Amino acid sequence: MRREGRQEDSSGAEVLALRSAGGVVASGEGSRVRIAVMRSTYNTWVLPKGQIEQGETPEQAARREIGEEIGLGELESRGQLGWSEHRFEREGVRFCKRVEWFLFTAPEGATLHARLEENVLDSGWFTPEQALSLLSHPNQRRLLRRALARLQTSPGE
């Protein structure tokens, strides 16, 4: 994991800062729009994302991670969607991860390939309503709603 620095939380414990990037990937238009969602080895449904590597911009990292995790390479950028931040602990170490998110479109009919070596168990194209109900994290559901508004699509709930 690429560490961006050290911080302290409110209790004074050390927290390692991480930077990642990811994307909402849409395909199709209007009522045919579909969203790429994947199931991780943590058994959560999420959007593709991962660590920013040395020398990469956040958008380049998002593109690379989408390719590595679900096999999509032909992507058109629709711009940055914002960022999210979450904290977690792994093996006694506390982390604060900031993820920069981008919106991409893929050609209609593009095939997804879940990559187990990238901790992806499954992936698929889902309607906006299905994607919103599948996503395991509220911050990613908010992000998807923002992306759908940008695509001028009504997610319907």
N, C-alpha and C. Protein backbone atom coordinates (compact mmCIF):
# COMPACT_ATOMS: atom_id res chain seq x y z
N MET A 1 0.84 -1.18 0.00
CA MET A 1 0.00 0.00 0.00
C MET A 1 0.88 1.24 0.00
N ARG A 2 0.52 2.18 -0.83
CA ARG A 2 1.28 3.43 -0.89
C ARG A 2 0.85 4.31 0.27
N ARG A 3 1.80 4.64 1.11
CA ARG A 3 1.51 5.47 2.28
C ARG A 3 1.84 6.91 1.95
N GLU A 4 0.94 7.79 2.28
CA GLU A 4 1.11 9.21 1.97
C GLU A 4 1.54 10.02 3.18
N GLY A 5 1.60 9.41 4.33
CA GLY A 5 2.00 10.17 5.50
C GLY A 5 1.41 9.57 6.76
N ARG A 6 1.74 10.18 7.84
CA ARG A 6 1.26 9.72 9.14
C ARG A 6 0.46 10.84 9.79
N GLN A 7 -0.58 10.43 10.49
CA GLN A 7 -1.44 11.36 11.21
C GLN A 7 -1.67 10.78 12.59
N GLU A 8 -2.37 11.52 13.41
CA GLU A 8 -2.82 11.00 14.69
C GLU A 8 -4.32 11.15 14.75
N ASP A 9 -4.99 10.15 15.37
CA ASP A 9 -6.43 10.29 15.56
C ASP A 9 -6.70 11.01 16.87
N SER A 10 -7.96 11.13 17.24
CA SER A 10 -8.33 11.90 18.43
C SER A 10 -7.76 11.31 19.72
N SER A 11 -7.42 10.03 19.71
CA SER A 11 -6.83 9.42 20.91
C SER A 11 -5.31 9.53 20.94
N GLY A 12 -4.72 10.10 19.86
CA GLY A 12 -3.28 10.22 19.78
C GLY A 12 -2.61 9.04 19.11
N ALA A 13 -3.40 8.04 18.69
CA ALA A 13 -2.83 6.87 18.03
C ALA A 13 -2.41 7.23 16.61
N GLU A 14 -1.34 6.61 16.15
CA GLU A 14 -0.84 6.87 14.80
C GLU A 14 -1.78 6.26 13.76
N VAL A 15 -2.03 7.03 12.70
CA VAL A 15 -2.87 6.60 11.58
C VAL A 15 -2.07 6.83 10.30
N LEU A 16 -1.99 5.80 9.46
CA LEU A 16 -1.29 5.93 8.19
C LEU A 16 -2.26 6.41 7.12
N ALA A 17 -1.86 7.42 6.38
CA ALA A 17 -2.70 8.00 5.33
C ALA A 17 -2.40 7.31 4.00
N LEU A 18 -3.46 6.90 3.29
CA LEU A 18 -3.35 6.25 2.00
C LEU A 18 -4.13 7.03 0.96
N ARG A 19 -3.67 6.99 -0.29
CA ARG A 19 -4.40 7.63 -1.39
C ARG A 19 -4.74 6.59 -2.44
N SER A 20 -5.99 6.59 -2.86
CA SER A 20 -6.47 5.68 -3.89
C SER A 20 -7.30 6.45 -4.90
N ALA A 21 -7.65 5.76 -5.97
CA ALA A 21 -8.52 6.34 -6.99
C ALA A 21 -9.40 5.24 -7.54
N GLY A 22 -10.60 5.63 -7.97
CA GLY A 22 -11.52 4.65 -8.52
C GLY A 22 -12.52 5.30 -9.43
N GLY A 23 -13.44 4.48 -9.92
CA GLY A 23 -14.38 5.03 -10.88
C GLY A 23 -15.73 4.39 -10.88
N VAL A 24 -16.69 5.22 -11.28
CA VAL A 24 -18.02 4.75 -11.67
C VAL A 24 -17.93 4.57 -13.17
N VAL A 25 -18.25 3.37 -13.65
CA VAL A 25 -18.21 3.09 -15.08
C VAL A 25 -19.63 2.82 -15.56
N ALA A 26 -20.08 3.62 -16.52
CA ALA A 26 -21.42 3.47 -17.10
C ALA A 26 -21.29 3.04 -18.55
N SER A 27 -22.30 2.33 -19.01
CA SER A 27 -22.36 1.93 -20.42
C SER A 27 -23.80 2.07 -20.88
N GLY A 28 -23.99 2.51 -22.10
CA GLY A 28 -25.34 2.71 -22.62
C GLY A 28 -25.87 4.08 -22.28
N GLU A 29 -27.07 4.38 -22.79
CA GLU A 29 -27.68 5.69 -22.57
C GLU A 29 -29.14 5.53 -22.18
N GLY A 30 -29.65 6.57 -21.53
CA GLY A 30 -31.07 6.60 -21.18
C GLY A 30 -31.49 5.37 -20.40
N SER A 31 -32.56 4.71 -20.83
CA SER A 31 -33.07 3.55 -20.11
C SER A 31 -32.16 2.33 -20.26
N ARG A 32 -31.17 2.39 -21.16
CA ARG A 32 -30.25 1.26 -21.36
C ARG A 32 -28.97 1.40 -20.54
N VAL A 33 -28.83 2.47 -19.77
CA VAL A 33 -27.59 2.67 -19.01
C VAL A 33 -27.41 1.54 -17.99
N ARG A 34 -26.17 1.06 -17.92
CA ARG A 34 -25.80 0.03 -16.97
C ARG A 34 -24.53 0.49 -16.25
N ILE A 35 -24.38 0.04 -15.01
CA ILE A 35 -23.26 0.42 -14.16
C ILE A 35 -22.45 -0.82 -13.81
N ALA A 36 -21.12 -0.72 -13.91
CA ALA A 36 -20.23 -1.83 -13.56
C ALA A 36 -20.03 -1.86 -12.04
N VAL A 37 -20.36 -3.00 -11.44
CA VAL A 37 -20.19 -3.20 -10.00
C VAL A 37 -19.50 -4.55 -9.81
N MET A 38 -18.66 -4.64 -8.79
CA MET A 38 -17.92 -5.88 -8.55
C MET A 38 -18.07 -6.34 -7.11
N ARG A 39 -17.92 -7.66 -6.91
CA ARG A 39 -17.96 -8.23 -5.56
C ARG A 39 -16.54 -8.61 -5.17
N SER A 40 -16.07 -8.03 -4.08
CA SER A 40 -14.69 -8.25 -3.64
C SER A 40 -14.59 -9.53 -2.81
N THR A 41 -13.35 -9.92 -2.54
CA THR A 41 -13.13 -11.09 -1.70
C THR A 41 -13.54 -10.84 -0.25
N TYR A 42 -13.86 -9.61 0.10
CA TYR A 42 -14.45 -9.30 1.41
C TYR A 42 -15.96 -9.52 1.38
N ASN A 43 -16.46 -10.02 0.22
CA ASN A 43 -17.88 -10.28 -0.03
C ASN A 43 -18.72 -9.01 0.06
N THR A 44 -18.15 -7.91 -0.40
CA THR A 44 -18.89 -6.65 -0.49
C THR A 44 -18.98 -6.26 -1.96
N TRP A 45 -20.09 -5.62 -2.32
CA TRP A 45 -20.28 -5.11 -3.67
C TRP A 45 -19.79 -3.68 -3.68
N VAL A 46 -18.84 -3.40 -4.58
CA VAL A 46 -18.14 -2.11 -4.58
C VAL A 46 -17.86 -1.65 -6.01
N LEU A 47 -17.42 -0.42 -6.11
CA LEU A 47 -16.92 0.15 -7.36
C LEU A 47 -15.42 -0.11 -7.43
N PRO A 48 -14.86 -0.26 -8.63
CA PRO A 48 -13.43 -0.52 -8.73
C PRO A 48 -12.59 0.67 -8.26
N LYS A 49 -11.55 0.34 -7.49
CA LYS A 49 -10.64 1.37 -6.97
C LYS A 49 -9.37 0.71 -6.49
N GLY A 50 -8.33 1.51 -6.30
CA GLY A 50 -7.08 0.98 -5.77
C GLY A 50 -6.06 2.08 -5.57
N GLN A 51 -4.90 1.66 -5.09
CA GLN A 51 -3.84 2.58 -4.73
C GLN A 51 -3.29 3.34 -5.94
N ILE A 52 -2.95 4.59 -5.71
CA ILE A 52 -2.26 5.39 -6.72
C ILE A 52 -0.78 5.04 -6.64
N GLU A 53 -0.22 4.64 -7.77
CA GLU A 53 1.19 4.26 -7.81
C GLU A 53 2.08 5.47 -8.09
N GLN A 54 3.35 5.33 -7.75
CA GLN A 54 4.33 6.40 -7.95
C GLN A 54 4.29 6.87 -9.40
N GLY A 55 4.16 8.19 -9.60
CA GLY A 55 4.18 8.78 -10.92
C GLY A 55 2.84 8.83 -11.63
N GLU A 56 1.79 8.27 -11.04
CA GLU A 56 0.46 8.28 -11.65
C GLU A 56 -0.35 9.46 -11.17
N THR A 57 -1.20 9.98 -12.05
CA THR A 57 -2.22 10.92 -11.61
C THR A 57 -3.36 10.08 -11.04
N PRO A 58 -4.25 10.67 -10.24
CA PRO A 58 -5.39 9.91 -9.76
C PRO A 58 -6.24 9.32 -10.89
N GLU A 59 -6.45 10.07 -11.97
CA GLU A 59 -7.26 9.54 -13.07
C GLU A 59 -6.56 8.36 -13.74
N GLN A 60 -5.25 8.44 -13.91
CA GLN A 60 -4.52 7.30 -14.49
C GLN A 60 -4.64 6.07 -13.60
N ALA A 61 -4.55 6.28 -12.30
CA ALA A 61 -4.69 5.16 -11.36
C ALA A 61 -6.08 4.55 -11.44
N ALA A 62 -7.11 5.39 -11.52
CA ALA A 62 -8.48 4.89 -11.62
C ALA A 62 -8.65 4.03 -12.88
N ARG A 63 -8.14 4.51 -14.00
CA ARG A 63 -8.20 3.75 -15.26
C ARG A 63 -7.49 2.40 -15.12
N ARG A 64 -6.28 2.43 -14.55
CA ARG A 64 -5.50 1.21 -14.39
C ARG A 64 -6.24 0.22 -13.50
N GLU A 65 -6.76 0.69 -12.38
CA GLU A 65 -7.46 -0.19 -11.45
C GLU A 65 -8.72 -0.81 -12.08
N ILE A 66 -9.45 -0.03 -12.85
CA ILE A 66 -10.63 -0.56 -13.54
C ILE A 66 -10.22 -1.67 -14.49
N GLY A 67 -9.13 -1.46 -15.21
CA GLY A 67 -8.62 -2.49 -16.11
C GLY A 67 -8.16 -3.73 -15.38
N GLU A 68 -7.43 -3.53 -14.29
CA GLU A 68 -6.92 -4.67 -13.53
C GLU A 68 -8.03 -5.46 -12.85
N GLU A 69 -9.02 -4.78 -12.30
CA GLU A 69 -10.03 -5.46 -11.49
C GLU A 69 -11.18 -6.05 -12.30
N ILE A 70 -11.63 -5.34 -13.34
CA ILE A 70 -12.78 -5.85 -14.10
C ILE A 70 -12.54 -5.92 -15.60
N GLY A 71 -11.30 -5.71 -16.03
CA GLY A 71 -10.94 -5.95 -17.41
C GLY A 71 -11.36 -4.94 -18.45
N LEU A 72 -11.77 -3.75 -18.04
CA LEU A 72 -12.17 -2.73 -19.01
C LEU A 72 -10.99 -1.82 -19.33
N GLY A 73 -10.73 -1.64 -20.63
CA GLY A 73 -9.64 -0.78 -21.03
C GLY A 73 -10.07 0.42 -21.84
N GLU A 74 -11.13 0.26 -22.62
CA GLU A 74 -11.60 1.34 -23.48
C GLU A 74 -12.59 2.20 -22.70
N LEU A 75 -12.09 3.27 -22.11
CA LEU A 75 -12.91 4.13 -21.25
C LEU A 75 -12.81 5.58 -21.70
N GLU A 76 -13.93 6.27 -21.67
CA GLU A 76 -13.94 7.71 -21.93
C GLU A 76 -14.17 8.42 -20.60
N SER A 77 -13.30 9.36 -20.29
CA SER A 77 -13.43 10.09 -19.03
C SER A 77 -14.55 11.12 -19.12
N ARG A 78 -15.36 11.16 -18.09
CA ARG A 78 -16.41 12.18 -17.97
C ARG A 78 -16.11 13.11 -16.80
N GLY A 79 -14.89 13.04 -16.28
CA GLY A 79 -14.46 13.99 -15.25
C GLY A 79 -14.48 13.43 -13.84
N GLN A 80 -14.00 14.24 -12.94
CA GLN A 80 -13.91 13.86 -11.53
C GLN A 80 -15.27 13.99 -10.86
N LEU A 81 -15.57 13.05 -9.96
CA LEU A 81 -16.83 13.06 -9.22
C LEU A 81 -16.68 13.58 -7.79
N GLY A 82 -15.46 13.60 -7.29
CA GLY A 82 -15.24 14.01 -5.90
C GLY A 82 -14.35 13.00 -5.20
N TRP A 83 -14.44 12.98 -3.88
CA TRP A 83 -13.60 12.07 -3.11
C TRP A 83 -14.38 11.54 -1.91
N SER A 84 -13.89 10.44 -1.39
CA SER A 84 -14.45 9.87 -0.16
C SER A 84 -13.28 9.52 0.76
N GLU A 85 -13.59 9.38 2.01
CA GLU A 85 -12.56 9.04 2.98
C GLU A 85 -13.14 8.03 3.96
N HIS A 86 -12.35 7.02 4.28
CA HIS A 86 -12.79 6.09 5.31
C HIS A 86 -11.60 5.59 6.10
N ARG A 87 -11.90 5.18 7.31
CA ARG A 87 -10.87 4.70 8.23
C ARG A 87 -11.12 3.22 8.49
N PHE A 88 -10.01 2.49 8.65
CA PHE A 88 -10.11 1.08 8.96
C PHE A 88 -8.84 0.63 9.67
N GLU A 89 -8.90 -0.55 10.24
CA GLU A 89 -7.76 -1.11 10.94
C GLU A 89 -7.47 -2.48 10.36
N ARG A 90 -6.21 -2.76 10.12
CA ARG A 90 -5.81 -4.06 9.61
C ARG A 90 -4.53 -4.48 10.32
N GLU A 91 -4.58 -5.66 10.94
CA GLU A 91 -3.42 -6.21 11.67
C GLU A 91 -2.87 -5.22 12.69
N GLY A 92 -3.77 -4.53 13.40
CA GLY A 92 -3.38 -3.61 14.45
C GLY A 92 -2.91 -2.25 13.99
N VAL A 93 -2.93 -2.01 12.68
CA VAL A 93 -2.50 -0.72 12.14
C VAL A 93 -3.73 0.04 11.68
N ARG A 94 -3.82 1.31 12.06
CA ARG A 94 -4.95 2.15 11.65
C ARG A 94 -4.61 2.90 10.37
N PHE A 95 -5.60 2.98 9.49
CA PHE A 95 -5.42 3.65 8.20
C PHE A 95 -6.54 4.66 7.98
N CYS A 96 -6.21 5.71 7.24
CA CYS A 96 -7.19 6.66 6.74
C CYS A 96 -6.98 6.72 5.24
N LYS A 97 -7.97 6.22 4.48
CA LYS A 97 -7.84 6.15 3.02
C LYS A 97 -8.72 7.20 2.38
N ARG A 98 -8.10 8.02 1.53
CA ARG A 98 -8.82 9.01 0.73
C ARG A 98 -8.85 8.49 -0.71
N VAL A 99 -10.06 8.41 -1.27
CA VAL A 99 -10.24 7.91 -2.63
C VAL A 99 -10.77 9.04 -3.51
N GLU A 100 -10.07 9.31 -4.60
CA GLU A 100 -10.55 10.26 -5.60
C GLU A 100 -11.31 9.48 -6.65
N TRP A 101 -12.53 9.93 -6.96
CA TRP A 101 -13.44 9.20 -7.84
C TRP A 101 -13.65 9.92 -9.15
N PHE A 102 -13.77 9.13 -10.23
CA PHE A 102 -13.98 9.65 -11.57
C PHE A 102 -15.15 8.92 -12.22
N LEU A 103 -15.74 9.57 -13.20
CA LEU A 103 -16.81 8.97 -13.99
C LEU A 103 -16.25 8.61 -15.35
N PHE A 104 -16.49 7.38 -15.78
CA PHE A 104 -16.05 6.90 -17.09
C PHE A 104 -17.24 6.27 -17.80
N THR A 105 -17.19 6.29 -19.13
CA THR A 105 -18.16 5.53 -19.92
C THR A 105 -17.38 4.49 -20.73
N ALA A 106 -18.03 3.34 -20.90
CA ALA A 106 -17.46 2.24 -21.68
C ALA A 106 -18.40 1.97 -22.85
N PRO A 107 -17.90 1.39 -23.92
CA PRO A 107 -18.76 1.07 -25.06
C PRO A 107 -19.90 0.13 -24.65
N GLU A 108 -21.07 0.36 -25.23
CA GLU A 108 -22.19 -0.52 -24.94
C GLU A 108 -21.82 -1.94 -25.36
N GLY A 109 -22.11 -2.91 -24.51
CA GLY A 109 -21.79 -4.30 -24.79
C GLY A 109 -20.39 -4.72 -24.35
N ALA A 110 -19.63 -3.82 -23.72
CA ALA A 110 -18.29 -4.18 -23.23
C ALA A 110 -18.40 -5.31 -22.22
N THR A 111 -17.46 -6.23 -22.29
CA THR A 111 -17.46 -7.40 -21.42
C THR A 111 -16.60 -7.16 -20.19
N LEU A 112 -17.14 -7.55 -19.03
CA LEU A 112 -16.39 -7.46 -17.78
C LEU A 112 -15.73 -8.80 -17.47
N HIS A 113 -14.57 -8.75 -16.85
CA HIS A 113 -13.84 -9.95 -16.46
C HIS A 113 -13.37 -9.77 -15.02
N ALA A 114 -14.05 -10.43 -14.08
CA ALA A 114 -13.63 -10.37 -12.68
C ALA A 114 -12.25 -11.02 -12.55
N ARG A 115 -11.36 -10.38 -11.84
CA ARG A 115 -9.98 -10.88 -11.70
C ARG A 115 -9.73 -11.28 -10.24
N LEU A 116 -9.75 -12.58 -9.98
CA LEU A 116 -9.53 -13.09 -8.62
C LEU A 116 -8.19 -12.64 -8.07
N GLU A 117 -7.16 -12.57 -8.93
CA GLU A 117 -5.84 -12.13 -8.47
C GLU A 117 -5.86 -10.68 -7.99
N GLU A 118 -6.92 -9.95 -8.32
CA GLU A 118 -7.10 -8.57 -7.85
C GLU A 118 -8.17 -8.51 -6.76
N ASN A 119 -8.49 -9.66 -6.15
CA ASN A 119 -9.48 -9.76 -5.07
C ASN A 119 -10.90 -9.47 -5.53
N VAL A 120 -11.21 -9.83 -6.78
CA VAL A 120 -12.55 -9.64 -7.31
C VAL A 120 -13.16 -11.01 -7.59
N LEU A 121 -14.28 -11.31 -6.92
CA LEU A 121 -14.95 -12.60 -7.09
C LEU A 121 -15.93 -12.60 -8.25
N ASP A 122 -16.56 -11.46 -8.50
CA ASP A 122 -17.61 -11.39 -9.51
C ASP A 122 -17.75 -9.93 -9.95
N SER A 123 -18.30 -9.74 -11.14
CA SER A 123 -18.58 -8.39 -11.61
C SER A 123 -19.71 -8.47 -12.62
N GLY A 124 -20.40 -7.36 -12.80
CA GLY A 124 -21.47 -7.35 -13.78
C GLY A 124 -21.96 -5.95 -14.07
N TRP A 125 -22.76 -5.88 -15.14
CA TRP A 125 -23.44 -4.63 -15.52
C TRP A 125 -24.83 -4.68 -14.90
N PHE A 126 -25.21 -3.63 -14.21
CA PHE A 126 -26.49 -3.58 -13.52
C PHE A 126 -27.22 -2.28 -13.85
N THR A 127 -28.54 -2.34 -13.79
CA THR A 127 -29.32 -1.11 -13.94
C THR A 127 -28.93 -0.18 -12.79
N PRO A 128 -29.18 1.11 -12.92
CA PRO A 128 -28.88 2.00 -11.79
C PRO A 128 -29.56 1.56 -10.50
N GLU A 129 -30.81 1.13 -10.59
CA GLU A 129 -31.54 0.70 -9.39
C GLU A 129 -30.88 -0.52 -8.76
N GLN A 130 -30.49 -1.49 -9.58
CA GLN A 130 -29.82 -2.68 -9.07
C GLN A 130 -28.48 -2.32 -8.44
N ALA A 131 -27.71 -1.47 -9.10
CA ALA A 131 -26.40 -1.07 -8.58
C ALA A 131 -26.54 -0.37 -7.24
N LEU A 132 -27.52 0.53 -7.13
CA LEU A 132 -27.74 1.23 -5.86
C LEU A 132 -28.09 0.27 -4.75
N SER A 133 -28.87 -0.76 -5.05
CA SER A 133 -29.25 -1.72 -4.00
C SER A 133 -28.11 -2.69 -3.68
N LEU A 134 -27.24 -2.97 -4.64
CA LEU A 134 -26.13 -3.90 -4.41
C LEU A 134 -24.99 -3.27 -3.63
N LEU A 135 -24.63 -2.02 -3.92
CA LEU A 135 -23.44 -1.42 -3.32
C LEU A 135 -23.51 -1.49 -1.80
N SER A 136 -22.42 -1.97 -1.21
CA SER A 136 -22.37 -2.22 0.23
C SER A 136 -22.11 -0.98 1.07
N HIS A 137 -21.55 0.07 0.47
CA HIS A 137 -21.14 1.24 1.26
C HIS A 137 -21.97 2.46 0.89
N PRO A 138 -22.55 3.14 1.90
CA PRO A 138 -23.37 4.33 1.64
C PRO A 138 -22.64 5.41 0.85
N ASN A 139 -21.33 5.61 1.11
CA ASN A 139 -20.61 6.66 0.38
C ASN A 139 -20.53 6.33 -1.12
N GLN A 140 -20.48 5.06 -1.48
CA GLN A 140 -20.45 4.70 -2.90
C GLN A 140 -21.83 4.83 -3.53
N ARG A 141 -22.88 4.61 -2.75
CA ARG A 141 -24.23 4.85 -3.28
C ARG A 141 -24.43 6.35 -3.55
N ARG A 142 -23.96 7.21 -2.65
CA ARG A 142 -24.04 8.66 -2.88
C ARG A 142 -23.26 9.05 -4.13
N LEU A 143 -22.09 8.48 -4.27
CA LEU A 143 -21.25 8.75 -5.44
C LEU A 143 -21.96 8.32 -6.72
N LEU A 144 -22.58 7.16 -6.70
CA LEU A 144 -23.30 6.68 -7.88
C LEU A 144 -24.45 7.61 -8.23
N ARG A 145 -25.18 8.08 -7.22
CA ARG A 145 -26.27 9.03 -7.49
C ARG A 145 -25.73 10.30 -8.17
N ARG A 146 -24.58 10.78 -7.71
CA ARG A 146 -23.95 11.96 -8.32
C ARG A 146 -23.59 11.67 -9.78
N ALA A 147 -23.04 10.49 -10.02
CA ALA A 147 -22.67 10.10 -11.39
C ALA A 147 -23.91 10.01 -12.28
N LEU A 148 -24.97 9.43 -11.77
CA LEU A 148 -26.20 9.29 -12.55
C LEU A 148 -26.79 10.66 -12.89
N ALA A 149 -26.72 11.60 -11.94
CA ALA A 149 -27.20 12.95 -12.21
C ALA A 149 -26.37 13.58 -13.33
N ARG A 150 -25.08 13.34 -13.30
CA ARG A 150 -24.21 13.90 -14.34
C ARG A 150 -24.55 13.28 -15.70
N LEU A 151 -24.90 12.00 -15.70
CA LEU A 151 -25.26 11.32 -16.95
C LEU A 151 -26.69 11.66 -17.37
N GLN A 152 -27.39 12.47 -16.55
CA GLN A 152 -28.78 12.87 -16.79
C GLN A 152 -29.70 11.65 -16.86
N THR A 153 -29.48 10.73 -15.91
CA THR A 153 -30.27 9.53 -15.80
C THR A 153 -30.94 9.54 -14.42
N SER A 154 -32.17 9.18 -14.36
CA SER A 154 -32.86 9.10 -13.08
C SER A 154 -32.65 7.71 -12.49
N PRO A 155 -32.04 7.63 -11.26
CA PRO A 155 -31.78 6.32 -10.68
C PRO A 155 -33.02 5.61 -10.17
N GLY A 156 -34.07 6.32 -9.87
CA GLY A 156 -35.29 5.69 -9.35
C GLY A 156 -35.00 4.88 -8.11
N GLU A 157 -35.72 5.11 -7.07
CA GLU A 157 -35.48 4.36 -5.81
C GLU A 157 -36.75 3.80 -5.29
